[in-house]
Amino acid sequence: MKSNSDVRPPKFQDLGDGSWYYNYNIKEVEVENEDGTTKTAYDYDTVHIWGTPTYPKLVPLVVADKYDTSQELSLTGKYNDFVLGLSKNEADKTEYEDYRKDVLSIKAMVKADIQEFDGK
């Protein structure tokens, strides 16, 4: 879920009801006010998790926030068709490889953030 705030959000936000927000991809942006002045705001992505945030719980949520099941199945199917010689479209291979690289990047980000969270 895309979010925006005037205050820098914490990576892990305890909601007090047994659930948490994991805020990631936090980017500082300049936003123009109605009067023409600018202010600093933050754009970021958020997933909601029940229970204490852990790597095994967060990775599937973050991946699913970016890629829905039908996208993942489509990428995998096209890649398999290419590997099996049923497709000659090089883009089928490239798109799947890009997806897998993105998943690995997501895993690395979550791992680093969880280590920081556990270290507190």
N, C-alpha and C. Protein backbone atom coordinates (compact mmCIF):
# COMPACT_ATOMS: atom_id res chain seq x y z
N MET A 1 0.84 -1.16 0.00
CA MET A 1 0.00 0.00 0.00
C MET A 1 0.90 1.24 0.00
N LYS A 2 0.62 2.16 -0.91
CA LYS A 2 1.35 3.42 -0.97
C LYS A 2 0.85 4.33 0.14
N SER A 3 1.79 5.00 0.81
CA SER A 3 1.43 5.91 1.89
C SER A 3 2.22 7.19 1.76
N ASN A 4 1.76 8.22 2.47
CA ASN A 4 2.42 9.51 2.48
C ASN A 4 2.23 10.14 3.85
N SER A 5 3.27 10.83 4.31
CA SER A 5 3.19 11.46 5.63
C SER A 5 4.04 12.72 5.66
N ASP A 6 3.65 13.67 6.51
CA ASP A 6 4.46 14.87 6.74
C ASP A 6 5.59 14.58 7.72
N VAL A 7 5.49 13.46 8.42
CA VAL A 7 6.48 13.05 9.41
C VAL A 7 7.13 11.76 8.94
N ARG A 8 8.47 11.66 9.09
CA ARG A 8 9.16 10.44 8.67
C ARG A 8 8.62 9.26 9.49
N PRO A 9 8.08 8.24 8.82
CA PRO A 9 7.52 7.11 9.56
C PRO A 9 8.62 6.18 10.05
N PRO A 10 8.38 5.49 11.16
CA PRO A 10 9.33 4.46 11.59
C PRO A 10 9.20 3.26 10.66
N LYS A 11 10.26 2.48 10.54
CA LYS A 11 10.17 1.28 9.71
C LYS A 11 9.16 0.30 10.29
N PHE A 12 9.15 0.19 11.60
CA PHE A 12 8.23 -0.72 12.27
C PHE A 12 7.38 0.10 13.24
N GLN A 13 6.07 0.05 13.03
CA GLN A 13 5.15 0.85 13.83
C GLN A 13 4.18 -0.07 14.55
N ASP A 14 4.31 -0.13 15.88
CA ASP A 14 3.43 -0.94 16.72
C ASP A 14 2.07 -0.25 16.79
N LEU A 15 1.02 -0.93 16.35
CA LEU A 15 -0.31 -0.34 16.36
C LEU A 15 -1.06 -0.57 17.68
N GLY A 16 -0.43 -1.32 18.58
CA GLY A 16 -1.00 -1.49 19.92
C GLY A 16 -2.14 -2.49 20.02
N ASP A 17 -2.46 -3.16 18.94
CA ASP A 17 -3.54 -4.15 18.96
C ASP A 17 -3.04 -5.55 18.57
N GLY A 18 -1.72 -5.73 18.71
CA GLY A 18 -1.12 -7.00 18.30
C GLY A 18 -0.68 -7.00 16.84
N SER A 19 -0.81 -5.85 16.19
CA SER A 19 -0.40 -5.77 14.78
C SER A 19 0.59 -4.62 14.60
N TRP A 20 1.26 -4.66 13.46
CA TRP A 20 2.30 -3.69 13.14
C TRP A 20 2.15 -3.24 11.70
N TYR A 21 2.69 -2.05 11.42
CA TYR A 21 2.95 -1.63 10.06
C TYR A 21 4.44 -1.78 9.82
N TYR A 22 4.78 -2.33 8.67
CA TYR A 22 6.17 -2.31 8.20
C TYR A 22 6.20 -1.29 7.08
N ASN A 23 6.90 -0.19 7.32
CA ASN A 23 7.02 0.90 6.35
C ASN A 23 8.39 0.79 5.68
N TYR A 24 8.40 0.75 4.36
CA TYR A 24 9.65 0.55 3.63
C TYR A 24 9.66 1.42 2.37
N ASN A 25 10.80 1.45 1.71
CA ASN A 25 10.97 2.33 0.53
C ASN A 25 10.64 3.78 0.89
N ILE A 26 11.07 4.19 2.07
CA ILE A 26 10.77 5.54 2.55
C ILE A 26 11.63 6.54 1.78
N LYS A 27 10.96 7.49 1.13
CA LYS A 27 11.66 8.50 0.32
C LYS A 27 11.18 9.89 0.73
N GLU A 28 12.16 10.77 0.99
CA GLU A 28 11.84 12.16 1.29
C GLU A 28 11.52 12.88 -0.02
N VAL A 29 10.40 13.61 -0.04
CA VAL A 29 9.99 14.33 -1.25
C VAL A 29 9.61 15.76 -0.86
N GLU A 30 9.73 16.64 -1.83
CA GLU A 30 9.29 18.02 -1.64
C GLU A 30 7.90 18.15 -2.24
N VAL A 31 6.98 18.71 -1.47
CA VAL A 31 5.60 18.86 -1.89
C VAL A 31 5.25 20.35 -1.88
N GLU A 32 4.59 20.78 -2.93
CA GLU A 32 4.20 22.19 -3.01
C GLU A 32 2.86 22.39 -2.32
N ASN A 33 2.83 23.38 -1.43
CA ASN A 33 1.59 23.76 -0.75
C ASN A 33 0.73 24.61 -1.67
N GLU A 34 -0.50 24.85 -1.28
CA GLU A 34 -1.41 25.68 -2.07
C GLU A 34 -0.89 27.11 -2.24
N ASP A 35 -0.13 27.58 -1.25
CA ASP A 35 0.38 28.96 -1.31
C ASP A 35 1.68 29.07 -2.10
N GLY A 36 2.12 27.97 -2.69
CA GLY A 36 3.32 27.99 -3.52
C GLY A 36 4.60 27.64 -2.78
N THR A 37 4.55 27.55 -1.46
CA THR A 37 5.74 27.15 -0.70
C THR A 37 5.87 25.63 -0.76
N THR A 38 7.04 25.16 -0.39
CA THR A 38 7.25 23.71 -0.39
C THR A 38 7.49 23.22 1.02
N LYS A 39 7.18 21.97 1.20
CA LYS A 39 7.44 21.32 2.49
C LYS A 39 7.98 19.93 2.22
N THR A 40 8.63 19.36 3.21
CA THR A 40 9.15 18.01 3.12
C THR A 40 8.07 17.02 3.54
N ALA A 41 7.91 15.98 2.77
CA ALA A 41 6.98 14.91 3.09
C ALA A 41 7.70 13.59 2.80
N TYR A 42 7.02 12.49 3.09
CA TYR A 42 7.62 11.17 2.89
C TYR A 42 6.64 10.26 2.17
N ASP A 43 7.10 9.69 1.08
CA ASP A 43 6.34 8.67 0.36
C ASP A 43 6.95 7.33 0.75
N TYR A 44 6.10 6.33 0.95
CA TYR A 44 6.59 5.02 1.35
C TYR A 44 5.54 3.96 1.10
N ASP A 45 5.96 2.72 1.20
CA ASP A 45 5.06 1.58 1.08
C ASP A 45 4.85 1.00 2.47
N THR A 46 3.67 0.42 2.68
CA THR A 46 3.31 -0.14 3.99
C THR A 46 2.62 -1.49 3.82
N VAL A 47 3.00 -2.44 4.66
CA VAL A 47 2.24 -3.68 4.79
C VAL A 47 1.83 -3.82 6.25
N HIS A 48 0.69 -4.44 6.46
CA HIS A 48 0.13 -4.66 7.80
C HIS A 48 0.39 -6.10 8.18
N ILE A 49 0.91 -6.31 9.39
CA ILE A 49 1.24 -7.66 9.83
C ILE A 49 0.70 -7.88 11.24
N TRP A 50 0.12 -9.04 11.46
CA TRP A 50 -0.34 -9.40 12.79
C TRP A 50 0.77 -10.15 13.51
N GLY A 51 0.99 -9.85 14.77
CA GLY A 51 2.05 -10.46 15.55
C GLY A 51 3.36 -9.73 15.32
N THR A 52 4.37 -10.17 16.02
CA THR A 52 5.69 -9.54 15.92
C THR A 52 6.25 -9.73 14.51
N PRO A 53 6.76 -8.65 13.92
CA PRO A 53 7.35 -8.76 12.57
C PRO A 53 8.56 -9.70 12.56
N THR A 54 8.56 -10.61 11.61
CA THR A 54 9.69 -11.51 11.39
C THR A 54 9.96 -11.60 9.90
N TYR A 55 11.15 -12.01 9.56
CA TYR A 55 11.53 -12.17 8.15
C TYR A 55 10.58 -13.11 7.41
N PRO A 56 10.30 -14.32 7.95
CA PRO A 56 9.41 -15.23 7.21
C PRO A 56 7.99 -14.69 7.03
N LYS A 57 7.52 -13.85 7.95
CA LYS A 57 6.18 -13.28 7.81
C LYS A 57 6.17 -12.11 6.83
N LEU A 58 7.23 -11.31 6.85
CA LEU A 58 7.24 -10.08 6.06
C LEU A 58 7.52 -10.28 4.58
N VAL A 59 8.46 -11.16 4.24
CA VAL A 59 8.84 -11.32 2.83
C VAL A 59 7.63 -11.61 1.93
N PRO A 60 6.78 -12.59 2.25
CA PRO A 60 5.64 -12.84 1.36
C PRO A 60 4.68 -11.64 1.27
N LEU A 61 4.53 -10.90 2.36
CA LEU A 61 3.64 -9.74 2.34
C LEU A 61 4.18 -8.64 1.44
N VAL A 62 5.48 -8.39 1.53
CA VAL A 62 6.09 -7.33 0.71
C VAL A 62 6.08 -7.73 -0.76
N VAL A 63 6.41 -8.99 -1.05
CA VAL A 63 6.38 -9.46 -2.44
C VAL A 63 4.94 -9.37 -2.99
N ALA A 64 3.97 -9.80 -2.19
CA ALA A 64 2.57 -9.76 -2.63
C ALA A 64 2.05 -8.33 -2.78
N ASP A 65 2.65 -7.39 -2.04
CA ASP A 65 2.26 -5.99 -2.17
C ASP A 65 2.68 -5.44 -3.54
N LYS A 66 3.74 -6.00 -4.09
CA LYS A 66 4.24 -5.54 -5.39
C LYS A 66 3.74 -6.40 -6.55
N TYR A 67 3.65 -7.70 -6.33
CA TYR A 67 3.24 -8.64 -7.38
C TYR A 67 2.07 -9.47 -6.88
N ASP A 68 0.93 -9.37 -7.55
CA ASP A 68 -0.18 -10.22 -7.14
C ASP A 68 0.06 -11.63 -7.70
N THR A 69 -0.72 -12.57 -7.21
CA THR A 69 -0.54 -13.98 -7.57
C THR A 69 -0.63 -14.20 -9.08
N SER A 70 -1.56 -13.52 -9.74
CA SER A 70 -1.71 -13.72 -11.18
C SER A 70 -0.48 -13.23 -11.94
N GLN A 71 0.14 -12.14 -11.47
CA GLN A 71 1.38 -11.65 -12.11
C GLN A 71 2.50 -12.67 -11.94
N GLU A 72 2.64 -13.19 -10.73
CA GLU A 72 3.69 -14.18 -10.48
C GLU A 72 3.50 -15.43 -11.32
N LEU A 73 2.27 -15.91 -11.39
CA LEU A 73 1.99 -17.10 -12.20
C LEU A 73 2.24 -16.84 -13.68
N SER A 74 1.87 -15.66 -14.14
CA SER A 74 2.08 -15.31 -15.54
C SER A 74 3.57 -15.26 -15.87
N LEU A 75 4.35 -14.60 -15.01
CA LEU A 75 5.80 -14.51 -15.24
C LEU A 75 6.44 -15.90 -15.24
N THR A 76 6.03 -16.74 -14.28
CA THR A 76 6.59 -18.09 -14.18
C THR A 76 6.19 -18.92 -15.39
N GLY A 77 4.93 -18.85 -15.80
CA GLY A 77 4.46 -19.61 -16.96
C GLY A 77 5.18 -19.21 -18.24
N LYS A 78 5.32 -17.90 -18.47
CA LYS A 78 6.02 -17.43 -19.67
C LYS A 78 7.48 -17.88 -19.66
N TYR A 79 8.12 -17.81 -18.49
CA TYR A 79 9.51 -18.23 -18.38
C TYR A 79 9.63 -19.73 -18.68
N ASN A 80 8.74 -20.52 -18.10
CA ASN A 80 8.78 -21.96 -18.35
C ASN A 80 8.56 -22.26 -19.83
N ASP A 81 7.64 -21.55 -20.47
CA ASP A 81 7.42 -21.74 -21.90
C ASP A 81 8.70 -21.43 -22.69
N PHE A 82 9.41 -20.39 -22.29
CA PHE A 82 10.65 -20.03 -22.97
C PHE A 82 11.70 -21.12 -22.78
N VAL A 83 11.87 -21.56 -21.52
CA VAL A 83 12.86 -22.59 -21.21
C VAL A 83 12.55 -23.90 -21.95
N LEU A 84 11.28 -24.23 -22.06
CA LEU A 84 10.88 -25.47 -22.74
C LEU A 84 10.87 -25.34 -24.26
N GLY A 85 11.16 -24.16 -24.76
CA GLY A 85 11.19 -23.95 -26.20
C GLY A 85 9.81 -23.71 -26.80
N LEU A 86 8.81 -23.50 -25.97
CA LEU A 86 7.46 -23.25 -26.46
C LEU A 86 7.26 -21.79 -26.84
N SER A 87 8.18 -20.95 -26.39
CA SER A 87 8.16 -19.53 -26.72
C SER A 87 9.56 -19.12 -27.16
N LYS A 88 9.62 -18.28 -28.15
CA LYS A 88 10.91 -17.75 -28.61
C LYS A 88 11.10 -16.30 -28.17
N ASN A 89 10.14 -15.80 -27.39
CA ASN A 89 10.16 -14.41 -26.95
C ASN A 89 11.16 -14.22 -25.81
N GLU A 90 12.27 -13.60 -26.10
CA GLU A 90 13.34 -13.36 -25.12
C GLU A 90 12.83 -12.52 -23.94
N ALA A 91 11.81 -11.70 -24.17
CA ALA A 91 11.25 -10.87 -23.10
C ALA A 91 10.65 -11.74 -21.99
N ASP A 92 10.14 -12.93 -22.32
CA ASP A 92 9.58 -13.82 -21.31
C ASP A 92 10.64 -14.22 -20.30
N LYS A 93 11.84 -14.45 -20.78
CA LYS A 93 12.97 -14.80 -19.90
C LYS A 93 13.43 -13.58 -19.12
N THR A 94 13.60 -12.47 -19.79
CA THR A 94 14.10 -11.25 -19.16
C THR A 94 13.17 -10.73 -18.07
N GLU A 95 11.86 -10.73 -18.34
CA GLU A 95 10.90 -10.26 -17.35
C GLU A 95 10.93 -11.13 -16.09
N TYR A 96 11.05 -12.43 -16.29
CA TYR A 96 11.11 -13.33 -15.13
C TYR A 96 12.40 -13.12 -14.34
N GLU A 97 13.50 -12.97 -15.04
CA GLU A 97 14.78 -12.73 -14.36
C GLU A 97 14.73 -11.41 -13.58
N ASP A 98 14.13 -10.38 -14.15
CA ASP A 98 13.99 -9.10 -13.45
C ASP A 98 13.12 -9.25 -12.20
N TYR A 99 12.06 -10.02 -12.33
CA TYR A 99 11.18 -10.30 -11.18
C TYR A 99 11.97 -11.01 -10.08
N ARG A 100 12.72 -12.04 -10.44
CA ARG A 100 13.49 -12.79 -9.44
C ARG A 100 14.55 -11.89 -8.78
N LYS A 101 15.19 -11.03 -9.56
CA LYS A 101 16.16 -10.10 -8.97
C LYS A 101 15.46 -9.16 -8.00
N ASP A 102 14.26 -8.73 -8.33
CA ASP A 102 13.50 -7.86 -7.45
C ASP A 102 13.14 -8.59 -6.16
N VAL A 103 12.73 -9.84 -6.26
CA VAL A 103 12.41 -10.62 -5.06
C VAL A 103 13.64 -10.76 -4.17
N LEU A 104 14.79 -11.01 -4.77
CA LEU A 104 16.02 -11.11 -3.98
C LEU A 104 16.36 -9.78 -3.32
N SER A 105 16.11 -8.69 -4.00
CA SER A 105 16.32 -7.36 -3.44
C SER A 105 15.37 -7.12 -2.26
N ILE A 106 14.13 -7.52 -2.41
CA ILE A 106 13.15 -7.39 -1.33
C ILE A 106 13.60 -8.20 -0.12
N LYS A 107 14.06 -9.42 -0.35
CA LYS A 107 14.54 -10.26 0.75
C LYS A 107 15.70 -9.61 1.49
N ALA A 108 16.64 -9.04 0.74
CA ALA A 108 17.79 -8.38 1.36
C ALA A 108 17.35 -7.17 2.19
N MET A 109 16.41 -6.39 1.65
CA MET A 109 15.91 -5.21 2.37
C MET A 109 15.23 -5.63 3.67
N VAL A 110 14.35 -6.62 3.60
CA VAL A 110 13.64 -7.08 4.79
C VAL A 110 14.62 -7.65 5.80
N LYS A 111 15.59 -8.41 5.33
CA LYS A 111 16.58 -9.00 6.24
C LYS A 111 17.34 -7.91 7.00
N ALA A 112 17.78 -6.88 6.28
CA ALA A 112 18.51 -5.79 6.93
C ALA A 112 17.62 -5.04 7.92
N ASP A 113 16.37 -4.79 7.54
CA ASP A 113 15.46 -4.07 8.42
C ASP A 113 15.10 -4.89 9.66
N ILE A 114 14.90 -6.19 9.50
CA ILE A 114 14.61 -7.06 10.64
C ILE A 114 15.80 -7.13 11.60
N GLN A 115 17.01 -7.19 11.05
CA GLN A 115 18.19 -7.21 11.91
C GLN A 115 18.29 -5.93 12.73
N GLU A 116 17.95 -4.81 12.10
CA GLU A 116 17.94 -3.52 12.80
C GLU A 116 16.84 -3.53 13.87
N PHE A 117 15.66 -4.05 13.54
CA PHE A 117 14.54 -4.13 14.46
C PHE A 117 14.88 -5.03 15.65
N ASP A 118 15.47 -6.20 15.38
CA ASP A 118 15.83 -7.14 16.44
C ASP A 118 16.93 -6.59 17.34
N GLY A 119 17.75 -5.69 16.80
CA GLY A 119 18.86 -5.13 17.56
C GLY A 119 18.46 -4.04 18.54
N LYS A 120 17.21 -3.63 18.48
CA LYS A 120 16.76 -2.55 19.38
C LYS A 120 16.45 -3.07 20.76
